[in-house]
Amino acid sequence: MVENQQSTKRKLLAKASRSGRVIAAWILLISLAICIFLVLAGRDVINISRFLPPCGMKMRYGLPCPTCGFTTAALAFFRGDIPGAFYIQPAGALLCLAIVITVFLAFITAVFGVYFPFLKDLAGRIRAWHIVLAVIVILAGAWAVTLSRALVQRGL
């Protein structure tokens, strides 16, 4: 390689600022609190039905709403039944997977003071409408799965 050519090789990790570490620590604490709550609820230590009313659409029409099964999928996921969680409600299992990835990345940043620069670059390119569109597509797809499963069970 010629001396005055610059390397285009990027670093895998970069040093996080102090404020970045503090933000990551808060994200870590909140995400861990959610995980711990769901683990305890999955083991019947916490009765989660006290916090969530039954689905009105399912009670009235006998068909699941777009978010039906999120709680059951989350409980299955945090009990360790990950394939079962994806079967129950794919979007709910994806949300749980996102929470676990968030815990991992926030832990790395908060504790070790490093982050992955490609994630920062990616976040800079993503717009709000990209996120909204992705959520709509994931919810619609998951609802189609749960709705078709409900219709098959009803014999329609």
C-alpha atoms as a PDB file:
ATOM      1  CA  MET A   1       0.000   0.000   0.000  1.00  0.00           C
ATOM      2  CA  VAL A   2       1.332   3.439  -0.910  1.00  0.00           C
ATOM      3  CA  GLU A   3       2.198   5.626   2.078  1.00  0.00           C
ATOM      4  CA  ASN A   4      -0.166   8.482   1.294  1.00  0.00           C
ATOM      5  CA  GLN A   5      -3.180   6.243   0.700  1.00  0.00           C
ATOM      6  CA  GLN A   6      -5.465   6.171   3.666  1.00  0.00           C
ATOM      7  CA  SER A   7      -6.883   2.940   4.921  1.00  0.00           C
ATOM      8  CA  THR A   8     -10.624   2.589   4.527  1.00  0.00           C
ATOM      9  CA  LYS A   9     -10.746  -0.048   7.228  1.00  0.00           C
ATOM     10  CA  ARG A  10     -13.219   0.902   9.974  1.00  0.00           C
ATOM     11  CA  LYS A  11     -12.950   0.046  13.609  1.00  0.00           C
ATOM     12  CA  LEU A  12     -15.429  -2.424  15.062  1.00  0.00           C
ATOM     13  CA  LEU A  13     -15.570  -0.600  18.406  1.00  0.00           C
ATOM     14  CA  ALA A  14     -15.249   3.047  19.388  1.00  0.00           C
ATOM     15  CA  LYS A  15     -14.834   4.735  22.761  1.00  0.00           C
ATOM     16  CA  ALA A  16     -18.095   6.010  24.251  1.00  0.00           C
ATOM     17  CA  SER A  17     -18.324   9.452  25.813  1.00  0.00           C
ATOM     18  CA  ARG A  18     -19.238   9.868  29.468  1.00  0.00           C
ATOM     19  CA  SER A  19     -22.734  11.071  28.585  1.00  0.00           C
ATOM     20  CA  GLY A  20     -23.108   8.141  26.181  1.00  0.00           C
ATOM     21  CA  ARG A  21     -22.220   5.751  28.991  1.00  0.00           C
ATOM     22  CA  VAL A  22     -24.759   7.377  31.316  1.00  0.00           C
ATOM     23  CA  ILE A  23     -27.499   7.144  28.683  1.00  0.00           C
ATOM     24  CA  ALA A  24     -26.567   3.501  28.044  1.00  0.00           C
ATOM     25  CA  ALA A  25     -26.720   2.816  31.794  1.00  0.00           C
ATOM     26  CA  TRP A  26     -30.262   4.212  31.997  1.00  0.00           C
ATOM     27  CA  ILE A  27     -31.326   2.218  28.949  1.00  0.00           C
ATOM     28  CA  LEU A  28     -29.757  -0.867  30.517  1.00  0.00           C
ATOM     29  CA  LEU A  29     -31.587  -0.366  33.825  1.00  0.00           C
ATOM     30  CA  ILE A  30     -34.957   0.182  32.173  1.00  0.00           C
ATOM     31  CA  SER A  31     -34.522  -2.763  29.794  1.00  0.00           C
ATOM     32  CA  LEU A  32     -33.362  -5.032  32.620  1.00  0.00           C
ATOM     33  CA  ALA A  33     -36.349  -3.989  34.733  1.00  0.00           C
ATOM     34  CA  ILE A  34     -38.675  -4.997  31.885  1.00  0.00           C
ATOM     35  CA  CYS A  35     -36.859  -8.335  31.500  1.00  0.00           C
ATOM     36  CA  ILE A  36     -36.949  -9.076  35.232  1.00  0.00           C
ATOM     37  CA  PHE A  37     -40.654  -8.208  35.403  1.00  0.00           C
ATOM     38  CA  LEU A  38     -41.408 -10.561  32.507  1.00  0.00           C
ATOM     39  CA  VAL A  39     -39.255 -13.359  33.938  1.00  0.00           C
ATOM     40  CA  LEU A  40     -41.060 -13.091  37.277  1.00  0.00           C
ATOM     41  CA  ALA A  41     -44.432 -12.978  35.538  1.00  0.00           C
ATOM     42  CA  GLY A  42     -43.470 -16.016  33.460  1.00  0.00           C
ATOM     43  CA  ARG A  43     -42.732 -17.929  36.658  1.00  0.00           C
ATOM     44  CA  ASP A  44     -46.057 -16.831  38.196  1.00  0.00           C
ATOM     45  CA  VAL A  45     -44.350 -14.739  40.880  1.00  0.00           C
ATOM     46  CA  ILE A  46     -46.204 -11.687  39.562  1.00  0.00           C
ATOM     47  CA  ASN A  47     -49.831 -11.926  38.398  1.00  0.00           C
ATOM     48  CA  ILE A  48     -49.661  -9.932  35.176  1.00  0.00           C
ATOM     49  CA  SER A  49     -53.408 -10.128  34.565  1.00  0.00           C
ATOM     50  CA  ARG A  50     -53.863  -7.513  37.307  1.00  0.00           C
ATOM     51  CA  PHE A  51     -52.162  -4.969  35.046  1.00  0.00           C
ATOM     52  CA  LEU A  52     -53.718  -5.874  31.693  1.00  0.00           C
ATOM     53  CA  PRO A  53     -57.413  -6.173  30.904  1.00  0.00           C
ATOM     54  CA  PRO A  54     -58.644  -8.916  28.565  1.00  0.00           C
ATOM     55  CA  CYS A  55     -58.753  -8.109  24.845  1.00  0.00           C
ATOM     56  CA  GLY A  56     -61.990  -6.322  23.990  1.00  0.00           C
ATOM     57  CA  MET A  57     -61.924  -7.361  20.334  1.00  0.00           C
ATOM     58  CA  LYS A  58     -61.449 -11.001  21.230  1.00  0.00           C
ATOM     59  CA  MET A  59     -64.236 -10.836  23.815  1.00  0.00           C
ATOM     60  CA  ARG A  60     -66.652  -9.086  21.465  1.00  0.00           C
ATOM     61  CA  TYR A  61     -65.912 -10.726  18.086  1.00  0.00           C
ATOM     62  CA  GLY A  62     -64.000 -13.846  19.039  1.00  0.00           C
ATOM     63  CA  LEU A  63     -61.072 -12.793  16.847  1.00  0.00           C
ATOM     64  CA  PRO A  64     -57.641 -11.601  17.985  1.00  0.00           C
ATOM     65  CA  CYS A  65     -56.599  -7.968  17.718  1.00  0.00           C
ATOM     66  CA  PRO A  66     -53.192  -7.026  16.214  1.00  0.00           C
ATOM     67  CA  THR A  67     -51.513  -7.218  19.629  1.00  0.00           C
ATOM     68  CA  CYS A  68     -53.293 -10.298  20.964  1.00  0.00           C
ATOM     69  CA  GLY A  69     -50.746 -12.750  22.256  1.00  0.00           C
ATOM     70  CA  PHE A  70     -47.992 -10.200  22.982  1.00  0.00           C
ATOM     71  CA  THR A  71     -48.109 -10.892  26.712  1.00  0.00           C
ATOM     72  CA  THR A  72     -48.297 -14.656  26.285  1.00  0.00           C
ATOM     73  CA  ALA A  73     -45.438 -14.563  23.764  1.00  0.00           C
ATOM     74  CA  ALA A  74     -43.325 -12.394  26.079  1.00  0.00           C
ATOM     75  CA  LEU A  75     -43.929 -14.744  29.002  1.00  0.00           C
ATOM     76  CA  ALA A  76     -43.016 -17.748  26.846  1.00  0.00           C
ATOM     77  CA  PHE A  77     -39.899 -15.967  25.543  1.00  0.00           C
ATOM     78  CA  PHE A  78     -38.636 -15.142  29.028  1.00  0.00           C
ATOM     79  CA  ARG A  79     -39.419 -18.661  30.257  1.00  0.00           C
ATOM     80  CA  GLY A  80     -37.008 -19.844  27.575  1.00  0.00           C
ATOM     81  CA  ASP A  81     -39.600 -21.113  25.081  1.00  0.00           C
ATOM     82  CA  ILE A  82     -38.393 -18.920  22.216  1.00  0.00           C
ATOM     83  CA  PRO A  83     -39.854 -21.032  19.366  1.00  0.00           C
ATOM     84  CA  GLY A  84     -43.159 -21.107  21.260  1.00  0.00           C
ATOM     85  CA  ALA A  85     -43.074 -17.328  21.605  1.00  0.00           C
ATOM     86  CA  PHE A  86     -42.626 -16.926  17.840  1.00  0.00           C
ATOM     87  CA  TYR A  87     -45.504 -19.349  17.268  1.00  0.00           C
ATOM     88  CA  ILE A  88     -47.832 -17.534  19.682  1.00  0.00           C
ATOM     89  CA  GLN A  89     -47.197 -13.994  18.401  1.00  0.00           C
ATOM     90  CA  PRO A  90     -44.275 -13.342  16.031  1.00  0.00           C
ATOM     91  CA  ALA A  91     -44.260  -9.574  16.606  1.00  0.00           C
ATOM     92  CA  GLY A  92     -44.222 -10.038  20.378  1.00  0.00           C
ATOM     93  CA  ALA A  93     -41.275 -12.404  20.147  1.00  0.00           C
ATOM     94  CA  LEU A  94     -39.425  -9.922  17.892  1.00  0.00           C
ATOM     95  CA  LEU A  95     -40.029  -7.211  20.490  1.00  0.00           C
ATOM     96  CA  CYS A  96     -38.574  -9.461  23.202  1.00  0.00           C
ATOM     97  CA  LEU A  97     -35.577 -10.203  21.003  1.00  0.00           C
ATOM     98  CA  ALA A  98     -35.077  -6.455  20.486  1.00  0.00           C
ATOM     99  CA  ILE A  99     -35.169  -5.929  24.264  1.00  0.00           C
ATOM    100  CA  VAL A 100     -32.531  -8.628  24.823  1.00  0.00           C
ATOM    101  CA  ILE A 101     -30.279  -7.126  22.116  1.00  0.00           C
ATOM    102  CA  THR A 102     -30.773  -3.692  23.691  1.00  0.00           C
ATOM    103  CA  VAL A 103     -29.715  -5.053  27.089  1.00  0.00           C
ATOM    104  CA  PHE A 104     -26.574  -6.549  25.549  1.00  0.00           C
ATOM    105  CA  LEU A 105     -25.563  -3.414  23.632  1.00  0.00           C
ATOM    106  CA  ALA A 106     -26.344  -1.076  26.551  1.00  0.00           C
ATOM    107  CA  PHE A 107     -24.326  -3.315  28.885  1.00  0.00           C
ATOM    108  CA  ILE A 108     -21.301  -3.213  26.570  1.00  0.00           C
ATOM    109  CA  THR A 109     -21.500   0.591  26.338  1.00  0.00           C
ATOM    110  CA  ALA A 110     -22.263   1.327  30.000  1.00  0.00           C
ATOM    111  CA  VAL A 111     -19.788  -1.093  31.563  1.00  0.00           C
ATOM    112  CA  PHE A 112     -16.907  -1.214  29.087  1.00  0.00           C
ATOM    113  CA  GLY A 113     -17.281   2.263  27.585  1.00  0.00           C
ATOM    114  CA  VAL A 114     -17.328   1.149  23.959  1.00  0.00           C
ATOM    115  CA  TYR A 115     -19.984   1.067  21.272  1.00  0.00           C
ATOM    116  CA  PHE A 116     -20.370  -0.186  17.718  1.00  0.00           C
ATOM    117  CA  PRO A 117     -19.914   2.761  15.299  1.00  0.00           C
ATOM    118  CA  PHE A 118     -21.840   1.054  12.486  1.00  0.00           C
ATOM    119  CA  LEU A 119     -24.964   1.184  14.693  1.00  0.00           C
ATOM    120  CA  LYS A 120     -24.534   4.939  15.137  1.00  0.00           C
ATOM    121  CA  ASP A 121     -24.144   5.329  11.367  1.00  0.00           C
ATOM    122  CA  LEU A 122     -27.228   3.186  10.778  1.00  0.00           C
ATOM    123  CA  ALA A 123     -29.258   5.165  13.314  1.00  0.00           C
ATOM    124  CA  GLY A 124     -28.250   8.369  11.539  1.00  0.00           C
ATOM    125  CA  ARG A 125     -29.677   7.087   8.253  1.00  0.00           C
ATOM    126  CA  ILE A 126     -32.955   5.744   9.607  1.00  0.00           C
ATOM    127  CA  ARG A 127     -35.863   8.164   9.564  1.00  0.00           C
ATOM    128  CA  ALA A 128     -39.000   8.061  11.713  1.00  0.00           C
ATOM    129  CA  TRP A 129     -41.137   6.908   8.801  1.00  0.00           C
ATOM    130  CA  HIS A 130     -38.829   3.903   8.307  1.00  0.00           C
ATOM    131  CA  ILE A 131     -39.523   2.807  11.888  1.00  0.00           C
ATOM    132  CA  VAL A 132     -43.259   3.434  11.611  1.00  0.00           C
ATOM    133  CA  LEU A 133     -43.437   1.501   8.338  1.00  0.00           C
ATOM    134  CA  ALA A 134     -41.435  -1.409   9.779  1.00  0.00           C
ATOM    135  CA  VAL A 135     -43.678  -1.584  12.859  1.00  0.00           C
ATOM    136  CA  ILE A 136     -46.826  -1.521  10.695  1.00  0.00           C
ATOM    137  CA  VAL A 137     -45.512  -4.280   8.404  1.00  0.00           C
ATOM    138  CA  ILE A 138     -44.415  -6.464  11.337  1.00  0.00           C
ATOM    139  CA  LEU A 139     -47.700  -5.978  13.194  1.00  0.00           C
ATOM    140  CA  ALA A 140     -49.759  -6.613  10.059  1.00  0.00           C
ATOM    141  CA  GLY A 141     -47.817  -9.770   9.259  1.00  0.00           C
ATOM    142  CA  ALA A 142     -48.068 -11.069  12.818  1.00  0.00           C
ATOM    143  CA  TRP A 143     -51.770 -10.230  12.934  1.00  0.00           C
ATOM    144  CA  ALA A 144     -52.316 -12.085   9.664  1.00  0.00           C
ATOM    145  CA  VAL A 145     -50.688 -15.157  11.215  1.00  0.00           C
ATOM    146  CA  THR A 146     -52.689 -15.031  14.460  1.00  0.00           C
ATOM    147  CA  LEU A 147     -55.916 -14.134  12.659  1.00  0.00           C
ATOM    148  CA  SER A 148     -55.566 -16.953  10.144  1.00  0.00           C
ATOM    149  CA  ARG A 149     -54.781 -19.373  12.984  1.00  0.00           C
ATOM    150  CA  ALA A 150     -57.927 -18.219  14.835  1.00  0.00           C
ATOM    151  CA  LEU A 151     -60.061 -18.585  11.703  1.00  0.00           C
ATOM    152  CA  VAL A 152     -58.749 -22.100  11.083  1.00  0.00           C
ATOM    153  CA  GLN A 153     -59.533 -23.058  14.678  1.00  0.00           C
ATOM    154  CA  ARG A 154     -63.095 -21.742  14.226  1.00  0.00           C
ATOM    155  CA  GLY A 155     -63.461 -23.812  11.078  1.00  0.00           C
ATOM    156  CA  LEU A 156     -63.900 -20.862   8.688  1.00  0.00           C
END
